[in-house]
C-alpha atoms as a PDB file:
ATOM      1  CA  ALA A   1     -70.754   2.342 154.639  1.00  0.00           C
ATOM      2  CA  ARG A   2     -69.192  -0.970 155.593  1.00  0.00           C
ATOM      3  CA  ALA A   3     -67.169  -1.709 159.025  1.00  0.00           C
ATOM      4  CA  GLY A   4     -63.718  -1.522 158.537  1.00  0.00           C
ATOM      5  CA  GLU A   5     -64.458   0.888 155.867  1.00  0.00           C
ATOM      6  CA  VAL A   6     -63.882   5.049 155.452  1.00  0.00           C
ATOM      7  CA  LEU A   7     -66.973   6.267 153.153  1.00  0.00           C
ATOM      8  CA  GLY A   8     -66.223   9.888 151.860  1.00  0.00           C
ATOM      9  CA  PHE A   9     -68.871  12.673 151.253  1.00  0.00           C
ATOM     10  CA  ALA A  10     -67.089  14.930 148.909  1.00  0.00           C
ATOM     11  CA  GLY A  11     -69.002  18.112 146.646  1.00  0.00           C
ATOM     12  CA  LEU A  12     -69.293  21.843 146.816  1.00  0.00           C
ATOM     13  CA  VAL A  13     -71.072  23.711 149.808  1.00  0.00           C
ATOM     14  CA  GLY A  14     -74.112  23.546 149.691  1.00  0.00           C
ATOM     15  CA  ALA A  15     -74.212  19.963 148.158  1.00  0.00           C
ATOM     16  CA  GLY A  16     -76.505  18.285 151.301  1.00  0.00           C
ATOM     17  CA  ARG A  17     -73.656  16.803 152.744  1.00  0.00           C
ATOM     18  CA  THR A  18     -73.711  18.000 156.107  1.00  0.00           C
ATOM     19  CA  GLU A  19     -77.541  18.196 156.045  1.00  0.00           C
ATOM     20  CA  THR A  20     -77.802  14.356 155.294  1.00  0.00           C
ATOM     21  CA  MET A  21     -75.604  13.609 158.027  1.00  0.00           C
ATOM     22  CA  ARG A  22     -77.701  15.532 160.383  1.00  0.00           C
ATOM     23  CA  LEU A  23     -80.889  14.091 159.479  1.00  0.00           C
ATOM     24  CA  ILE A  24     -79.263  10.871 160.157  1.00  0.00           C
ATOM     25  CA  PHE A  25     -78.089  11.531 163.673  1.00  0.00           C
ATOM     26  CA  GLY A  26     -81.226  13.086 164.030  1.00  0.00           C
ATOM     27  CA  ALA A  27     -80.119  16.833 164.528  1.00  0.00           C
ATOM     28  CA  ASP A  28     -82.741  17.708 161.924  1.00  0.00           C
ATOM     29  CA  PRO A  29     -86.221  16.044 160.750  1.00  0.00           C
ATOM     30  CA  LYS A  30     -86.672  13.634 158.119  1.00  0.00           C
ATOM     31  CA  VAL A  31     -89.110  14.299 155.585  1.00  0.00           C
ATOM     32  CA  HIS A  32     -89.063  11.278 153.816  1.00  0.00           C
ATOM     33  CA  GLY A  33     -86.855   7.954 153.174  1.00  0.00           C
ATOM     34  CA  LYS A  34     -85.051   5.188 155.193  1.00  0.00           C
ATOM     35  CA  ILE A  35     -81.999   4.451 157.931  1.00  0.00           C
ATOM     36  CA  LEU A  36     -81.127   1.111 157.804  1.00  0.00           C
ATOM     37  CA  ILE A  37     -78.475  -0.210 160.183  1.00  0.00           C
ATOM     38  CA  ASP A  38     -77.531  -3.858 159.371  1.00  0.00           C
ATOM     39  CA  GLY A  39     -80.109  -4.225 157.083  1.00  0.00           C
ATOM     40  CA  GLN A  40     -82.970  -3.101 159.452  1.00  0.00           C
ATOM     41  CA  GLU A  41     -85.264  -0.143 159.015  1.00  0.00           C
ATOM     42  CA  VAL A  42     -84.432   2.351 162.255  1.00  0.00           C
ATOM     43  CA  HIS A  43     -86.588   5.659 163.406  1.00  0.00           C
ATOM     44  CA  ILE A  44     -83.957   8.091 164.296  1.00  0.00           C
ATOM     45  CA  ARG A  45     -86.031  11.244 165.606  1.00  0.00           C
ATOM     46  CA  ASN A  46     -83.438  13.125 167.506  1.00  0.00           C
ATOM     47  CA  PRO A  47     -79.841  12.646 169.083  1.00  0.00           C
ATOM     48  CA  ARG A  48     -80.646  10.484 171.584  1.00  0.00           C
ATOM     49  CA  ASP A  49     -82.023   7.843 169.455  1.00  0.00           C
ATOM     50  CA  ALA A  50     -79.130   7.948 167.588  1.00  0.00           C
ATOM     51  CA  ILE A  51     -76.481   7.655 170.286  1.00  0.00           C
ATOM     52  CA  ALA A  52     -78.602   4.624 171.530  1.00  0.00           C
ATOM     53  CA  HIS A  53     -78.201   3.145 167.763  1.00  0.00           C
ATOM     54  CA  ARG A  54     -74.816   4.343 168.778  1.00  0.00           C
ATOM     55  CA  ILE A  55     -73.744   6.477 165.824  1.00  0.00           C
ATOM     56  CA  GLY A  56     -71.290   9.004 166.934  1.00  0.00           C
ATOM     57  CA  PHE A  57     -71.366  12.606 165.156  1.00  0.00           C
ATOM     58  CA  VAL A  58     -67.796  15.120 165.143  1.00  0.00           C
ATOM     59  CA  THR A  59     -69.715  17.654 163.785  1.00  0.00           C
ATOM     60  CA  GLU A  60     -68.559  20.663 161.875  1.00  0.00           C
ATOM     61  CA  ASN A  61     -69.337  23.474 164.732  1.00  0.00           C
ATOM     62  CA  ARG A  62     -67.580  22.042 167.007  1.00  0.00           C
ATOM     63  CA  LYS A  63     -68.310  25.198 169.360  1.00  0.00           C
ATOM     64  CA  GLU A  64     -71.925  25.635 169.106  1.00  0.00           C
ATOM     65  CA  GLU A  65     -72.819  22.018 168.755  1.00  0.00           C
ATOM     66  CA  GLY A  66     -69.729  19.829 170.056  1.00  0.00           C
ATOM     67  CA  LEU A  67     -68.647  21.260 173.137  1.00  0.00           C
ATOM     68  CA  PHE A  68     -70.368  22.664 176.635  1.00  0.00           C
ATOM     69  CA  LEU A  69     -67.437  25.290 176.385  1.00  0.00           C
ATOM     70  CA  ARG A  70     -67.777  26.300 179.542  1.00  0.00           C
ATOM     71  CA  MET A  71     -67.250  22.856 181.076  1.00  0.00           C
ATOM     72  CA  PRO A  72     -63.941  21.591 181.753  1.00  0.00           C
ATOM     73  CA  VAL A  73     -62.375  18.497 179.412  1.00  0.00           C
ATOM     74  CA  ARG A  74     -63.460  15.836 181.213  1.00  0.00           C
ATOM     75  CA  VAL A  75     -66.947  16.408 181.291  1.00  0.00           C
ATOM     76  CA  ASN A  76     -67.412  17.223 178.096  1.00  0.00           C
ATOM     77  CA  ILE A  77     -65.142  13.679 176.701  1.00  0.00           C
ATOM     78  CA  THR A  78     -67.440  11.583 179.210  1.00  0.00           C
ATOM     79  CA  SER A  79     -70.679  13.482 178.465  1.00  0.00           C
ATOM     80  CA  VAL A  80     -71.878  10.655 176.326  1.00  0.00           C
ATOM     81  CA  ALA A  81     -70.629   7.718 177.751  1.00  0.00           C
ATOM     82  CA  TYR A  82     -71.810   8.418 181.280  1.00  0.00           C
ATOM     83  CA  LYS A  83     -72.917   5.187 181.737  1.00  0.00           C
ATOM     84  CA  LYS A  84     -69.040   4.064 182.227  1.00  0.00           C
ATOM     85  CA  ILE A  85     -69.127   5.896 184.735  1.00  0.00           C
ATOM     86  CA  LEU A  86     -71.827   5.080 187.185  1.00  0.00           C
ATOM     87  CA  ALA A  87     -70.693   2.744 190.029  1.00  0.00           C
ATOM     88  CA  ALA A  88     -72.763   0.099 191.026  1.00  0.00           C
ATOM     89  CA  GLY A  89     -74.967   1.713 187.709  1.00  0.00           C
ATOM     90  CA  THR A  90     -76.338   4.690 190.440  1.00  0.00           C
ATOM     91  CA  PHE A  91     -73.444   6.881 191.548  1.00  0.00           C
ATOM     92  CA  PHE A  92     -71.276   8.649 189.753  1.00  0.00           C
ATOM     93  CA  ASN A  93     -67.486   7.666 189.704  1.00  0.00           C
ATOM     94  CA  PHE A  94     -65.660  10.684 189.399  1.00  0.00           C
ATOM     95  CA  ARG A  95     -62.381   9.002 189.990  1.00  0.00           C
ATOM     96  CA  LYS A  96     -63.255   6.899 187.199  1.00  0.00           C
ATOM     97  CA  GLU A  97     -64.285  10.020 185.061  1.00  0.00           C
ATOM     98  CA  ARG A  98     -60.759  11.752 185.741  1.00  0.00           C
ATOM     99  CA  LYS A  99     -58.962   8.221 184.514  1.00  0.00           C
ATOM    100  CA  LEU A 100     -60.881   7.570 181.657  1.00  0.00           C
ATOM    101  CA  SER A 101     -60.719  11.523 180.261  1.00  0.00           C
ATOM    102  CA  GLU A 102     -57.160  11.411 181.483  1.00  0.00           C
ATOM    103  CA  GLU A 103     -56.339   8.498 179.229  1.00  0.00           C
ATOM    104  CA  PHE A 104     -57.764  10.327 175.987  1.00  0.00           C
ATOM    105  CA  VAL A 105     -55.889  13.534 176.763  1.00  0.00           C
ATOM    106  CA  GLN A 106     -53.025  11.250 176.445  1.00  0.00           C
ATOM    107  CA  LYS A 107     -54.072   9.469 173.598  1.00  0.00           C
ATOM    108  CA  LEU A 108     -55.130  12.219 171.619  1.00  0.00           C
ATOM    109  CA  ARG A 109     -52.355  14.498 172.737  1.00  0.00           C
ATOM    110  CA  ILE A 110     -54.584  17.401 173.874  1.00  0.00           C
ATOM    111  CA  VAL A 111     -52.659  20.297 175.813  1.00  0.00           C
ATOM    112  CA  THR A 112     -54.069  21.324 178.500  1.00  0.00           C
ATOM    113  CA  PRO A 113     -52.587  22.151 182.094  1.00  0.00           C
ATOM    114  CA  SER A 114     -55.219  19.453 183.307  1.00  0.00           C
ATOM    115  CA  VAL A 115     -58.740  17.519 183.117  1.00  0.00           C
ATOM    116  CA  ASN A 116     -60.295  20.274 184.817  1.00  0.00           C
ATOM    117  CA  GLN A 117     -59.708  22.849 182.324  1.00  0.00           C
ATOM    118  CA  ARG A 118     -62.292  24.728 180.554  1.00  0.00           C
ATOM    119  CA  VAL A 119     -62.927  23.553 176.820  1.00  0.00           C
ATOM    120  CA  MET A 120     -63.435  27.324 175.865  1.00  0.00           C
ATOM    121  CA  PHE A 121     -59.495  28.042 176.827  1.00  0.00           C
ATOM    122  CA  LEU A 122     -57.819  25.432 174.754  1.00  0.00           C
ATOM    123  CA  SER A 123     -57.127  25.894 170.810  1.00  0.00           C
ATOM    124  CA  GLY A 124     -59.347  24.941 167.949  1.00  0.00           C
ATOM    125  CA  GLY A 125     -57.145  21.917 167.405  1.00  0.00           C
ATOM    126  CA  ASN A 126     -56.901  20.395 171.312  1.00  0.00           C
ATOM    127  CA  GLN A 127     -60.948  21.460 171.273  1.00  0.00           C
ATOM    128  CA  GLN A 128     -61.511  19.064 168.029  1.00  0.00           C
ATOM    129  CA  LYS A 129     -59.809  16.464 170.025  1.00  0.00           C
ATOM    130  CA  VAL A 130     -61.945  16.814 172.833  1.00  0.00           C
ATOM    131  CA  VAL A 131     -64.909  16.335 170.605  1.00  0.00           C
ATOM    132  CA  LEU A 132     -62.744  13.062 168.901  1.00  0.00           C
ATOM    133  CA  SER A 133     -62.237  11.510 172.175  1.00  0.00           C
ATOM    134  CA  LYS A 134     -65.840  11.990 173.292  1.00  0.00           C
ATOM    135  CA  TRP A 135     -67.080   9.781 170.672  1.00  0.00           C
ATOM    136  CA  LEU A 136     -64.422   7.394 170.812  1.00  0.00           C
ATOM    137  CA  LEU A 137     -65.020   6.939 174.297  1.00  0.00           C
ATOM    138  CA  SER A 138     -68.830   5.881 173.614  1.00  0.00           C
ATOM    139  CA  ASP A 139     -68.369   3.399 171.908  1.00  0.00           C
ATOM    140  CA  SER A 140     -70.084   4.021 168.411  1.00  0.00           C
ATOM    141  CA  ARG A 141     -69.805   1.866 165.682  1.00  0.00           C
ATOM    142  CA  ILE A 142     -70.716   4.149 163.184  1.00  0.00           C
ATOM    143  CA  VAL A 143     -68.957   7.410 163.388  1.00  0.00           C
ATOM    144  CA  ILE A 144     -69.573  10.695 161.248  1.00  0.00           C
ATOM    145  CA  PHE A 145     -66.907  12.999 160.843  1.00  0.00           C
ATOM    146  CA  ASP A 146     -67.902  16.661 159.425  1.00  0.00           C
ATOM    147  CA  GLU A 147     -65.137  18.373 158.169  1.00  0.00           C
ATOM    148  CA  PRO A 148     -62.898  16.992 160.718  1.00  0.00           C
ATOM    149  CA  THR A 149     -59.940  18.854 160.112  1.00  0.00           C
ATOM    150  CA  ARG A 150     -60.858  21.904 159.189  1.00  0.00           C
ATOM    151  CA  GLY A 151     -59.529  25.182 161.149  1.00  0.00           C
ATOM    152  CA  ILE A 152     -56.730  23.103 162.858  1.00  0.00           C
ATOM    153  CA  ASP A 153     -52.962  22.804 162.784  1.00  0.00           C
ATOM    154  CA  VAL A 154     -51.031  20.632 161.032  1.00  0.00           C
ATOM    155  CA  GLY A 155     -50.513  18.326 164.118  1.00  0.00           C
ATOM    156  CA  ALA A 156     -53.757  18.219 165.120  1.00  0.00           C
ATOM    157  CA  LYS A 157     -54.469  16.880 161.985  1.00  0.00           C
ATOM    158  CA  THR A 158     -52.136  13.872 162.348  1.00  0.00           C
ATOM    159  CA  GLU A 159     -54.456  13.123 165.113  1.00  0.00           C
ATOM    160  CA  VAL A 160     -57.738  12.925 163.989  1.00  0.00           C
ATOM    161  CA  TYR A 161     -56.287  10.891 161.049  1.00  0.00           C
ATOM    162  CA  GLU A 162     -55.009   8.273 163.683  1.00  0.00           C
ATOM    163  CA  ALA A 163     -57.781   8.418 165.280  1.00  0.00           C
ATOM    164  CA  ILE A 164     -59.888   7.658 161.972  1.00  0.00           C
ATOM    165  CA  GLY A 165     -57.412   4.868 161.559  1.00  0.00           C
ATOM    166  CA  ASP A 166     -58.093   3.477 164.774  1.00  0.00           C
ATOM    167  CA  CYS A 167     -62.148   3.237 164.178  1.00  0.00           C
ATOM    168  CA  VAL A 168     -61.345   1.312 160.915  1.00  0.00           C
ATOM    169  CA  LYS A 169     -58.840  -1.246 163.332  1.00  0.00           C
ATOM    170  CA  ASN A 170     -62.049  -1.804 165.400  1.00  0.00           C
ATOM    171  CA  GLN A 171     -64.209  -2.487 162.712  1.00  0.00           C
ATOM    172  CA  LYS A 172     -66.312   0.692 162.797  1.00  0.00           C
ATOM    173  CA  GLY A 173     -67.988   2.212 159.819  1.00  0.00           C
ATOM    174  CA  VAL A 174     -66.611   5.479 159.030  1.00  0.00           C
ATOM    175  CA  VAL A 175     -67.840   8.538 157.093  1.00  0.00           C
ATOM    176  CA  VAL A 176     -66.125  11.596 156.105  1.00  0.00           C
ATOM    177  CA  VAL A 177     -67.288  14.866 155.191  1.00  0.00           C
ATOM    178  CA  SER A 178     -64.983  16.779 153.471  1.00  0.00           C
ATOM    179  CA  SER A 179     -64.662  19.841 151.331  1.00  0.00           C
ATOM    180  CA  GLU A 180     -60.937  18.460 150.193  1.00  0.00           C
ATOM    181  CA  GLU A 181     -60.643  16.558 147.353  1.00  0.00           C
ATOM    182  CA  GLU A 182     -56.833  15.125 148.378  1.00  0.00           C
ATOM    183  CA  GLU A 183     -58.248  14.550 151.776  1.00  0.00           C
ATOM    184  CA  VAL A 184     -61.176  12.173 150.767  1.00  0.00           C
ATOM    185  CA  LEU A 185     -59.000  10.518 148.093  1.00  0.00           C
ATOM    186  CA  GLY A 186     -55.934  10.066 150.769  1.00  0.00           C
ATOM    187  CA  ILE A 187     -58.335   8.657 153.848  1.00  0.00           C
ATOM    188  CA  CYS A 188     -61.344   7.148 152.359  1.00  0.00           C
ATOM    189  CA  ASP A 189     -61.758   3.521 150.266  1.00  0.00           C
ATOM    190  CA  ARG A 190     -64.831   4.919 148.587  1.00  0.00           C
ATOM    191  CA  VAL A 191     -66.058   8.694 147.954  1.00  0.00           C
ATOM    192  CA  ILE A 192     -69.810   9.739 147.222  1.00  0.00           C
ATOM    193  CA  VAL A 193     -70.150  12.594 145.617  1.00  0.00           C
ATOM    194  CA  MET A 194     -72.802  15.046 146.260  1.00  0.00           C
ATOM    195  CA  LYS A 195     -74.453  17.739 144.068  1.00  0.00           C
ATOM    196  CA  ASN A 196     -78.117  19.207 144.824  1.00  0.00           C
ATOM    197  CA  GLY A 197     -79.008  17.154 147.501  1.00  0.00           C
ATOM    198  CA  CYS A 198     -78.400  13.741 145.491  1.00  0.00           C
ATOM    199  CA  ILE A 199     -75.745  11.072 144.933  1.00  0.00           C
ATOM    200  CA  ALA A 200     -74.148  12.174 141.878  1.00  0.00           C
ATOM    201  CA  ALA A 201     -71.740   9.149 141.540  1.00  0.00           C
ATOM    202  CA  ILE A 202     -69.678   6.695 143.780  1.00  0.00           C
ATOM    203  CA  LEU A 203     -66.009   6.611 143.186  1.00  0.00           C
ATOM    204  CA  ASN A 204     -63.113   3.909 144.388  1.00  0.00           C
ATOM    205  CA  ALA A 205     -61.011   6.323 146.267  1.00  0.00           C
ATOM    206  CA  LYS A 206     -58.026   4.345 145.070  1.00  0.00           C
ATOM    207  CA  THR A 207     -58.526   5.266 141.286  1.00  0.00           C
ATOM    208  CA  ALA A 208     -60.484   8.491 141.408  1.00  0.00           C
ATOM    209  CA  THR A 209     -58.805  12.027 141.030  1.00  0.00           C
ATOM    210  CA  THR A 210     -59.588  15.108 142.469  1.00  0.00           C
ATOM    211  CA  GLU A 211     -60.570  16.311 138.739  1.00  0.00           C
ATOM    212  CA  GLU A 212     -63.090  13.560 138.541  1.00  0.00           C
ATOM    213  CA  ILE A 213     -64.730  14.554 141.951  1.00  0.00           C
ATOM    214  CA  LYS A 214     -65.180  18.060 141.120  1.00  0.00           C
ATOM    215  CA  HIS A 215     -66.276  16.854 137.094  1.00  0.00           C
ATOM    216  CA  TYR A 216     -69.520  15.220 139.439  1.00  0.00           C
ATOM    217  CA  ALA A 217     -69.786  17.834 141.929  1.00  0.00           C
ATOM    218  CA  VAL A 218     -70.555  20.638 139.013  1.00  0.00           C
END
């Protein structure tokens, strides 16, 4: 994955795409192999290590793995970047927490009565945008999006695509896992097709077709 590029991962359900992303983020243990950032091997044993290496993970399972459902919007948005809201590096600055979270509510057009609303009461699309806000605020250099538009409406999809575009403009490395071939070809620069846990093909998204992706996937 390169800075300023969107690298897509396609394949059938069970091909190993999500498992690979969870391994990179430290959510699942690595049995063998190497993870390299800037050509240097890094050792990621858990999500805390991944965050320390500035890797963000917009998980497919937002309700169980991406959000604190009973906590307010502001807490969810700032949960990873909490150091940004510490006054003098020690005291929690509630005013700054509110300001930063409100900025992202406006930027991603999150529909909520206020940043104090508990996330469990938001629609699926708005919950997804809260997850996006969390990782955009965290200053991650590498952002993994696992099925980022699954189960959300067309309007929310637009905000997700805009967020991916902002990451590219800021020279982040973006990885998108999607089961929709058209989506992968539409937003990615290169596409890795996986089959049975292995790379079956690496395609140029500008010249590849959905039929070609399906061919390598099976």
